[in-house]
């Protein structure tokens, strides 16, 4: 293990004395407005069947601290008679519009009931905001228009949870999974389902939506996405998914999420016995990592016409680190996400019961306090479930830098390069 240093945290949501519990965090950072949006499910208890509404706390990120507003319910993110679950926020940088996707599940129907019965009771919905989350549109139900006849093949489905992404092309992507019905031939009843991840996508800034093919082989459940630039100028879409197979599953797409290649187990990223949601976030490799390197030499084995260097994408991942239970939330780092063996970690950022999390990437530019010269300071925010006796007592927020991550991870020769040094104290960034 690396350092036992853990970042400071701020509790944003806490279980109430009457049993109301906050679960399933989702985090969105909007650089243009220095705004953080922290979402969660409000439940009457920790039970999935007792989910109710989605709630939000808005935070303003100043140069050395975050100021949080009071919690409020996103009341328009709701269908009558349904409970709102799996918040999946997405920011369209081309238009400034925020989408908050979620599923609306009828009554108290559980996911397990839908899987056993093959009777899908979930609906695909979203609301939008054009004022950084201060107000929201009426709800839009896309279920029949987008999924249509495929609903007959889906015992149920869900989103993310956690953030969606936008590609450089403008394409909007929402991570999702379904329990696909493989057989209904057992005396007219459901015989078998397989959980498979996929994406919903829009190429017209959210005016219309469709979905891609399912990850074809390994069982994949809750998932998140990263757009990965490679040094040779190419780009791939990376999916990291929960699985009941004992390890995480990753899958790649070369066409922006329409078709995924077969998934592969990531044996360095272990799962809890029943699996747990995890988060991935991509960011440009620090420029000083390449100081002294000749970019063309990195591509010396390629034809001259193919030599084109671009800053590659690194990926940070958060998840409980135990194979036995949901405890000890950690982060892992990969400089080569296509390589399932490239992960370093974990650095445990919370010791104790912990479960779902969502990550955001924050870049401090030369105009911010602490940015050295023209090199930006790379930092991350993490919104995560935690507690003393149970992972579902609180949802906390922490900020830490890439420097802290690298210094706290177990040694990895791939990461032995200088990175701008900063440190975090509370919610303040100290330089």
Protein backbone atom coordinates (compact mmCIF):
# COMPACT_ATOMS: atom_id res chain seq x y z
CA UNK A 1 0.00 0.00 0.00
CA UNK A 2 0.99 3.59 -0.46
CA UNK A 3 0.67 6.44 2.00
CA UNK A 4 -1.93 6.29 4.80
CA UNK A 5 -2.72 9.95 4.13
CA UNK A 6 -6.41 10.44 3.33
CA UNK A 7 -7.95 13.59 1.88
CA UNK A 8 -10.26 15.73 4.00
CA UNK A 9 -13.96 15.36 3.31
CA UNK A 10 -17.16 17.36 3.65
CA UNK A 11 -20.44 15.56 4.39
CA UNK A 12 -23.06 16.71 1.87
CA UNK A 13 -25.87 14.24 2.61
CA UNK A 14 -26.49 12.40 5.88
CA UNK A 15 -29.03 9.83 7.01
CA UNK A 16 -31.79 11.46 9.03
CA UNK A 17 -33.17 10.34 12.37
CA UNK A 18 -36.45 9.27 10.76
CA UNK A 19 -34.57 6.81 8.54
CA UNK A 20 -34.49 8.89 5.34
CA UNK A 21 -31.28 7.82 3.60
CA UNK A 22 -29.29 9.31 0.73
CA UNK A 23 -27.72 6.92 -1.75
CA UNK A 24 -26.23 6.67 -5.28
CA UNK A 25 -24.09 9.81 -5.66
CA UNK A 26 -23.58 11.52 -9.01
CA UNK A 27 -21.16 14.41 -9.53
CA UNK A 28 -20.88 16.92 -12.36
CA UNK A 29 -18.29 19.71 -12.66
CA UNK A 30 -18.88 22.56 -15.12
CA UNK A 31 -15.57 24.41 -15.68
CA UNK A 32 -17.18 27.31 -17.53
CA UNK A 33 -19.12 28.27 -14.39
CA UNK A 34 -16.82 26.74 -11.73
CA UNK A 35 -19.93 24.88 -10.57
CA UNK A 36 -20.23 21.47 -8.92
CA UNK A 37 -23.55 19.62 -8.93
CA UNK A 38 -23.84 16.81 -6.37
CA UNK A 39 -26.88 14.57 -6.87
CA UNK A 40 -28.23 11.65 -4.83
CA UNK A 41 -31.33 9.54 -4.38
CA UNK A 42 -33.49 10.39 -1.39
CA UNK A 43 -34.91 7.14 0.03
CA UNK A 44 -37.29 6.43 2.88
CA UNK A 45 -34.71 3.83 3.97
CA UNK A 46 -31.54 2.39 2.48
CA UNK A 47 -33.61 -0.17 0.56
CA UNK A 48 -33.77 0.22 -3.24
CA UNK A 49 -37.55 -0.21 -3.11
CA UNK A 50 -37.81 2.86 -0.87
CA UNK A 51 -36.22 5.28 -3.33
CA UNK A 52 -38.24 8.45 -3.77
CA UNK A 53 -36.87 11.64 -5.33
CA UNK A 54 -33.56 12.96 -6.61
CA UNK A 55 -31.89 15.70 -4.57
CA UNK A 56 -29.16 18.18 -5.42
CA UNK A 57 -26.59 20.41 -3.75
CA UNK A 58 -24.92 23.08 -5.88
CA UNK A 59 -21.35 24.05 -5.09
CA UNK A 60 -19.28 26.97 -6.35
CA UNK A 61 -15.60 26.16 -6.72
CA UNK A 62 -13.45 29.14 -5.81
CA UNK A 63 -9.67 29.23 -5.99
CA UNK A 64 -9.14 27.53 -2.67
CA UNK A 65 -12.50 26.24 -1.41
CA UNK A 66 -16.00 25.05 -2.36
CA UNK A 67 -19.09 26.87 -1.09
CA UNK A 68 -22.13 24.57 -0.96
CA UNK A 69 -25.76 25.64 -1.14
CA UNK A 70 -28.53 23.87 0.80
CA UNK A 71 -29.99 20.64 -0.48
CA UNK A 72 -33.21 20.69 -2.49
CA UNK A 73 -35.30 18.12 -4.35
CA UNK A 74 -35.30 18.12 -8.15
CA UNK A 75 -39.07 17.72 -8.07
CA UNK A 76 -39.53 17.79 -11.84
CA UNK A 77 -37.32 14.70 -12.17
CA UNK A 78 -40.30 12.51 -11.38
CA UNK A 79 -43.14 10.54 -12.99
CA UNK A 80 -46.39 10.12 -11.01
CA UNK A 81 -46.57 6.73 -9.32
CA UNK A 82 -42.87 6.07 -9.95
CA UNK A 83 -39.72 6.44 -7.90
CA UNK A 84 -36.71 8.28 -9.37
CA UNK A 85 -33.39 6.41 -9.36
CA UNK A 86 -29.87 6.29 -10.86
CA UNK A 87 -29.09 9.99 -11.45
CA UNK A 88 -26.86 10.45 -14.49
CA UNK A 89 -25.99 14.12 -15.16
CA UNK A 90 -24.44 15.20 -18.45
CA UNK A 91 -23.20 18.59 -19.61
CA UNK A 92 -23.36 19.74 -23.23
CA UNK A 93 -20.41 22.09 -23.61
CA UNK A 94 -21.63 23.18 -27.06
CA UNK A 95 -24.95 24.56 -25.78
CA UNK A 96 -24.42 25.05 -22.02
CA UNK A 97 -27.35 22.75 -21.29
CA UNK A 98 -27.35 20.18 -18.47
CA UNK A 99 -29.22 16.91 -18.84
CA UNK A 100 -30.18 14.96 -15.75
CA UNK A 101 -31.05 11.44 -16.89
CA UNK A 102 -32.65 8.96 -14.51
CA UNK A 103 -34.89 5.93 -14.47
CA UNK A 104 -38.44 6.05 -13.11
CA UNK A 105 -39.53 2.70 -11.64
CA UNK A 106 -43.18 1.90 -11.07
CA UNK A 107 -44.30 1.74 -7.43
CA UNK A 108 -42.07 -0.39 -5.21
CA UNK A 109 -41.12 -2.90 -7.91
CA UNK A 110 -37.57 -4.10 -7.31
CA UNK A 111 -34.95 -4.84 -9.91
CA UNK A 112 -34.88 -8.48 -8.78
CA UNK A 113 -38.64 -8.79 -9.34
CA UNK A 114 -38.28 -7.46 -12.86
CA UNK A 115 -35.40 -9.83 -13.59
CA UNK A 116 -37.30 -12.86 -12.29
CA UNK A 117 -40.57 -11.97 -13.99
CA UNK A 118 -39.21 -10.46 -17.18
CA UNK A 119 -41.70 -7.62 -16.69
CA UNK A 120 -39.88 -4.34 -17.28
CA UNK A 121 -41.23 -1.53 -15.07
CA UNK A 122 -38.46 1.05 -15.65
CA UNK A 123 -38.69 4.14 -17.84
CA UNK A 124 -36.00 6.30 -19.41
CA UNK A 125 -36.41 9.96 -18.43
CA UNK A 126 -34.56 13.26 -18.24
CA UNK A 127 -34.93 16.89 -17.24
CA UNK A 128 -32.72 19.77 -18.41
CA UNK A 129 -31.32 22.97 -16.96
CA UNK A 130 -29.94 26.03 -18.74
CA UNK A 131 -28.97 27.92 -15.58
CA UNK A 132 -26.41 25.57 -14.00
CA UNK A 133 -28.94 23.54 -12.05
CA UNK A 134 -30.92 26.36 -10.45
CA UNK A 135 -34.12 25.39 -12.28
CA UNK A 136 -35.24 22.40 -14.33
CA UNK A 137 -37.52 21.66 -17.26
CA UNK A 138 -40.55 19.43 -17.25
CA UNK A 139 -39.72 15.73 -17.44
CA UNK A 140 -39.29 13.98 -20.80
CA UNK A 141 -40.07 10.25 -21.02
CA UNK A 142 -38.05 8.67 -23.85
CA UNK A 143 -38.88 5.04 -23.11
CA UNK A 144 -41.07 4.04 -26.04
CA UNK A 145 -39.67 6.53 -28.53
CA UNK A 146 -36.05 5.44 -28.01
CA UNK A 147 -36.17 1.85 -26.72
CA UNK A 148 -39.39 0.80 -28.43
CA UNK A 149 -39.72 -2.89 -29.31
CA UNK A 150 -36.43 -3.73 -27.57
CA UNK A 151 -38.29 -3.43 -24.25
CA UNK A 152 -39.66 -6.90 -24.98
CA UNK A 153 -36.09 -8.22 -24.77
CA UNK A 154 -35.16 -6.29 -21.63
CA UNK A 155 -36.31 -7.61 -18.25
CA UNK A 156 -35.26 -4.22 -16.91
CA UNK A 157 -32.61 -1.56 -17.49
CA UNK A 158 -30.90 1.28 -15.65
CA UNK A 159 -28.43 4.12 -16.19
CA UNK A 160 -24.88 4.74 -14.98
CA UNK A 161 -25.23 5.76 -12.26
CA UNK A 162 -22.96 8.80 -12.19
CA UNK A 163 -21.89 11.21 -14.91
CA UNK A 164 -22.30 10.84 -18.67
CA UNK A 165 -19.80 12.30 -21.13
CA UNK A 166 -19.55 14.32 -24.34
CA UNK A 167 -17.13 13.44 -27.13
CA UNK A 168 -15.14 16.03 -29.10
CA UNK A 169 -17.56 15.52 -31.99
CA UNK A 170 -20.37 16.76 -29.76
CA UNK A 171 -21.90 13.31 -29.30
CA UNK A 172 -23.59 12.91 -25.91
CA UNK A 173 -23.26 9.52 -24.21
CA UNK A 174 -25.20 8.09 -21.28
CA UNK A 175 -23.88 4.80 -19.81
CA UNK A 176 -26.51 2.12 -19.26
CA UNK A 177 -27.11 -1.59 -18.78
CA UNK A 178 -29.96 -4.04 -19.26
CA UNK A 179 -30.85 -7.53 -18.12
CA UNK A 180 -31.31 -9.00 -21.59
CA UNK A 181 -33.80 -11.86 -21.85
CA UNK A 182 -32.09 -14.84 -23.44
CA UNK A 183 -34.93 -17.34 -23.22
CA UNK A 184 -38.70 -17.34 -22.54
CA UNK A 185 -39.29 -20.97 -23.51
CA UNK A 186 -39.76 -22.47 -20.05
CA UNK A 187 -43.54 -23.01 -20.20
CA UNK A 188 -44.00 -19.41 -21.28
CA UNK A 189 -41.96 -18.03 -18.39
CA UNK A 190 -38.60 -16.30 -18.25
CA UNK A 191 -35.67 -18.75 -18.14
CA UNK A 192 -32.51 -16.70 -18.21
CA UNK A 193 -31.22 -13.12 -18.42
CA UNK A 194 -27.74 -11.70 -18.90
CA UNK A 195 -26.70 -8.24 -17.67
CA UNK A 196 -25.04 -6.29 -20.49
CA UNK A 197 -23.82 -2.70 -20.62
CA UNK A 198 -24.29 -0.29 -23.55
CA UNK A 199 -24.74 3.44 -24.25
CA UNK A 200 -27.54 5.82 -25.15
CA UNK A 201 -26.29 8.51 -27.55
CA UNK A 202 -27.32 11.73 -29.25
CA UNK A 203 -25.60 13.44 -32.19
CA UNK A 204 -27.91 16.46 -32.31
CA UNK A 205 -27.35 17.95 -28.86
CA UNK A 206 -30.09 15.93 -27.22
CA UNK A 207 -32.93 16.49 -29.68
CA UNK A 208 -33.05 12.77 -30.48
CA UNK A 209 -31.56 9.68 -28.89
CA UNK A 210 -30.76 6.10 -29.81
CA UNK A 211 -28.71 3.30 -28.27
CA UNK A 212 -25.84 1.08 -29.30
CA UNK A 213 -25.15 -2.64 -29.19
CA UNK A 214 -24.64 -4.50 -25.92
CA UNK A 215 -21.18 -5.54 -24.71
CA UNK A 216 -21.23 -9.00 -26.26
CA UNK A 217 -19.60 -11.48 -23.91
CA UNK A 218 -18.95 -10.94 -20.19
CA UNK A 219 -21.64 -9.97 -17.70
CA UNK A 220 -21.59 -6.19 -17.24
CA UNK A 221 -23.82 -4.09 -15.02
CA UNK A 222 -23.43 -0.49 -13.73
CA UNK A 223 -20.83 1.30 -15.82
CA UNK A 224 -19.13 4.56 -16.75
CA UNK A 225 -17.34 5.85 -19.84
CA UNK A 226 -14.13 7.69 -20.77
CA UNK A 227 -13.11 9.13 -24.13
CA UNK A 228 -9.44 8.11 -24.46
CA UNK A 229 -7.00 9.93 -26.75
CA UNK A 230 -3.93 7.93 -27.66
CA UNK A 231 -0.45 9.19 -28.47
CA UNK A 232 -0.77 8.27 -32.17
CA UNK A 233 -3.74 10.60 -32.66
CA UNK A 234 -6.46 7.96 -32.45
CA UNK A 235 -9.38 7.90 -30.02
CA UNK A 236 -11.29 5.08 -28.35
CA UNK A 237 -14.24 4.93 -26.00
CA UNK A 238 -13.45 3.07 -22.78
CA UNK A 239 -16.16 1.44 -20.65
CA UNK A 240 -15.51 0.18 -17.10
CA UNK A 241 -18.32 -1.93 -15.63
CA UNK A 242 -19.42 -3.67 -12.48
CA UNK A 243 -19.53 -7.46 -12.80
CA UNK A 244 -20.45 -10.50 -10.67
CA UNK A 245 -17.30 -12.25 -11.95
CA UNK A 246 -14.95 -11.14 -9.14
CA UNK A 247 -13.20 -8.41 -11.16
CA UNK A 248 -14.18 -5.32 -13.11
CA UNK A 249 -14.82 -5.64 -16.83
CA UNK A 250 -13.54 -3.18 -19.41
CA UNK A 251 -14.63 -2.91 -23.05
CA UNK A 252 -13.51 -0.66 -25.91
CA UNK A 253 -15.37 0.96 -28.79
CA UNK A 254 -13.74 2.52 -31.85
CA UNK A 255 -16.96 4.12 -33.14
CA UNK A 256 -18.02 6.18 -30.14
CA UNK A 257 -20.17 3.64 -28.33
CA UNK A 258 -22.19 2.15 -31.17
CA UNK A 259 -20.41 -1.22 -31.04
CA UNK A 260 -18.16 -2.49 -28.25
CA UNK A 261 -15.44 -5.07 -28.68
CA UNK A 262 -15.65 -8.12 -26.37
CA UNK A 263 -15.06 -7.15 -22.76
CA UNK A 264 -12.11 -8.36 -20.71
CA UNK A 265 -11.60 -8.93 -17.00
CA UNK A 266 -9.35 -6.41 -15.22
CA UNK A 267 -7.73 -8.58 -12.58
CA UNK A 268 -6.05 -5.64 -10.85
CA UNK A 269 -9.48 -4.15 -10.11
CA UNK A 270 -11.25 -6.55 -7.76
CA UNK A 271 -14.97 -6.64 -7.04
CA UNK A 272 -16.85 -7.23 -3.82
CA UNK A 273 -18.83 -10.53 -3.71
CA UNK A 274 -21.95 -9.12 -5.41
CA UNK A 275 -20.10 -6.30 -7.13
CA UNK A 276 -20.30 -2.55 -6.51
CA UNK A 277 -20.59 0.54 -8.62
CA UNK A 278 -17.30 2.28 -9.42
CA UNK A 279 -16.37 5.49 -11.22
CA UNK A 280 -13.87 6.36 -13.96
CA UNK A 281 -12.74 9.78 -15.14
CA UNK A 282 -10.32 10.63 -17.92
CA UNK A 283 -7.85 13.51 -18.07
CA UNK A 284 -4.88 14.63 -20.21
CA UNK A 285 -1.56 13.18 -19.06
CA UNK A 286 0.50 15.92 -17.36
CA UNK A 287 2.72 17.66 -19.90
CA UNK A 288 5.77 17.44 -17.65
CA UNK A 289 5.42 13.66 -17.78
CA UNK A 290 6.68 13.96 -21.35
CA UNK A 291 9.47 16.43 -20.64
CA UNK A 292 12.67 15.13 -22.14
CA UNK A 293 10.78 12.63 -24.33
CA UNK A 294 10.76 12.89 -28.09
CA UNK A 295 7.17 12.39 -29.13
CA UNK A 296 8.18 11.11 -32.55
CA UNK A 297 10.36 8.44 -30.94
CA UNK A 298 7.28 7.13 -29.16
CA UNK A 299 5.90 6.32 -32.59
CA UNK A 300 9.14 5.24 -34.26
CA UNK A 301 7.74 1.85 -35.22
CA UNK A 302 4.94 3.41 -37.25
CA UNK A 303 5.00 4.61 -40.88
CA UNK A 304 6.01 8.23 -41.30
CA UNK A 305 2.53 9.12 -42.57
CA UNK A 306 0.98 7.83 -39.31
CA UNK A 307 3.24 9.75 -36.93
CA UNK A 308 1.06 12.23 -35.09
CA UNK A 309 1.54 12.85 -31.39
CA UNK A 310 -1.20 14.04 -29.05
CA UNK A 311 -1.32 14.14 -25.28
CA UNK A 312 -2.74 10.78 -24.22
CA UNK A 313 -5.57 10.29 -21.74
CA UNK A 314 -4.97 8.81 -18.30
CA UNK A 315 -7.82 7.32 -16.28
CA UNK A 316 -8.59 7.47 -12.55
CA UNK A 317 -10.90 4.86 -11.02
CA UNK A 318 -12.62 4.72 -7.59
CA UNK A 319 -14.15 1.67 -5.88
CA UNK A 320 -14.12 -0.22 -2.54
CA UNK A 321 -10.83 -2.11 -2.34
CA UNK A 322 -11.92 -5.23 -0.41
CA UNK A 323 -12.94 -8.54 -2.01
CA UNK A 324 -15.06 -9.33 1.05
CA UNK A 325 -17.31 -6.32 1.63
CA UNK A 326 -17.91 -2.69 0.72
CA UNK A 327 -15.12 -1.06 2.72
CA UNK A 328 -12.02 1.10 2.22
CA UNK A 329 -12.76 3.22 -0.82
CA UNK A 330 -9.66 3.56 -2.99
CA UNK A 331 -8.50 5.15 -6.21
CA UNK A 332 -6.43 3.52 -8.94
CA UNK A 333 -4.57 5.11 -11.86
CA UNK A 334 -3.88 3.89 -15.38
CA UNK A 335 -1.65 5.72 -17.90
CA UNK A 336 -2.59 3.15 -20.60
CA UNK A 337 -6.28 2.29 -20.07
CA UNK A 338 -6.41 -0.06 -23.08
CA UNK A 339 -3.99 -2.31 -21.17
CA UNK A 340 -5.95 -4.09 -18.44
CA UNK A 341 -2.69 -4.72 -16.58
CA UNK A 342 -1.61 -1.06 -16.42
CA UNK A 343 -3.47 -0.11 -13.23
CA UNK A 344 -1.61 1.09 -10.13
CA UNK A 345 -3.26 1.21 -6.74
CA UNK A 346 -5.07 1.47 -4.59
CA UNK A 347 -4.64 4.60 -2.57
CA UNK A 348 -7.33 4.31 0.09
CA UNK A 349 -9.05 7.67 0.44
CA UNK A 350 -11.60 6.53 3.04
CA UNK A 351 -10.97 3.82 5.63
CA UNK A 352 -14.17 2.10 6.68
CA UNK A 353 -17.55 1.16 5.18
CA UNK A 354 -17.93 2.77 1.74
CA UNK A 355 -19.69 1.93 -1.50
CA UNK A 356 -20.80 3.91 -4.57
CA UNK A 357 -18.73 6.88 -5.77
CA UNK A 358 -18.48 9.35 -8.65
CA UNK A 359 -15.41 11.24 -9.83
CA UNK A 360 -14.93 14.60 -11.53
CA UNK A 361 -11.81 16.12 -13.12
CA UNK A 362 -10.86 19.68 -12.19
CA UNK A 363 -8.06 21.55 -13.97
CA UNK A 364 -6.62 24.68 -12.41
CA UNK A 365 -5.33 26.93 -15.16
CA UNK A 366 -2.60 29.56 -14.98
CA UNK A 367 -5.19 32.10 -13.83
CA UNK A 368 -5.94 30.11 -10.69
CA UNK A 369 -4.00 30.21 -7.47
CA UNK A 370 -1.41 27.50 -7.43
CA UNK A 371 -0.94 26.86 -11.12
CA UNK A 372 2.79 26.96 -11.76
CA UNK A 373 3.82 28.77 -14.94
CA UNK A 374 1.82 27.49 -17.90
CA UNK A 375 1.37 23.99 -16.44
CA UNK A 376 -2.10 23.34 -15.08
CA UNK A 377 -2.63 21.64 -11.74
CA UNK A 378 -4.64 18.46 -12.12
CA UNK A 379 -7.14 17.78 -9.33
CA UNK A 380 -10.09 15.46 -8.78
CA UNK A 381 -13.30 15.58 -6.80
CA UNK A 382 -14.94 12.45 -5.42
CA UNK A 383 -18.50 12.11 -4.13
CA UNK A 384 -18.90 8.84 -2.23
CA UNK A 385 -21.04 6.80 0.15
CA UNK A 386 -19.49 6.17 3.56
CA UNK A 387 -20.15 5.60 7.24
CA UNK A 388 -18.93 4.13 10.50
CA UNK A 389 -21.16 1.07 10.78
CA UNK A 390 -22.68 1.08 7.27
CA UNK A 391 -21.66 2.56 3.90
CA UNK A 392 -25.05 4.27 3.65
CA UNK A 393 -24.86 6.73 6.56
CA UNK A 394 -23.39 9.66 4.61
CA UNK A 395 -22.39 10.91 1.19
CA UNK A 396 -19.13 12.84 1.42
CA UNK A 397 -17.13 15.08 -0.92
CA UNK A 398 -13.33 15.20 -1.19
CA UNK A 399 -10.81 16.97 -3.42
CA UNK A 400 -7.25 15.77 -4.07
CA UNK A 401 -4.58 16.37 -6.69
CA UNK A 402 -2.85 14.09 -9.19
CA UNK A 403 0.35 14.71 -7.25
CA UNK A 404 -1.26 13.29 -4.11
CA UNK A 405 -2.52 10.30 -6.05
CA UNK A 406 0.87 9.44 -7.52
CA UNK A 407 2.70 9.99 -4.22
CA UNK A 408 0.19 7.79 -2.38
CA UNK A 409 0.05 4.89 -4.82
CA UNK A 410 2.36 1.87 -4.59
CA UNK A 411 5.52 2.37 -6.71
CA UNK A 412 4.99 2.11 -10.46
CA UNK A 413 7.87 2.81 -12.88
CA UNK A 414 5.37 4.10 -15.45
CA UNK A 415 4.57 7.00 -13.13
CA UNK A 416 8.08 7.97 -12.00
CA UNK A 417 7.94 11.39 -13.62
CA UNK A 418 7.66 14.82 -11.98
CA UNK A 419 4.13 16.15 -11.50
CA UNK A 420 3.23 19.62 -10.22
CA UNK A 421 3.01 19.48 -6.43
CA UNK A 422 0.02 20.77 -4.50
CA UNK A 423 -1.66 19.63 -1.36
CA UNK A 424 -5.19 19.74 -0.01
CA UNK A 425 -6.23 20.95 3.40
CA UNK A 426 -9.90 20.48 4.13
CA UNK A 427 -11.76 21.81 1.12
CA UNK A 428 -8.97 24.32 0.56
CA UNK A 429 -6.23 23.80 -1.97
CA UNK A 430 -2.91 24.85 -0.47
CA UNK A 431 0.00 25.68 -2.79
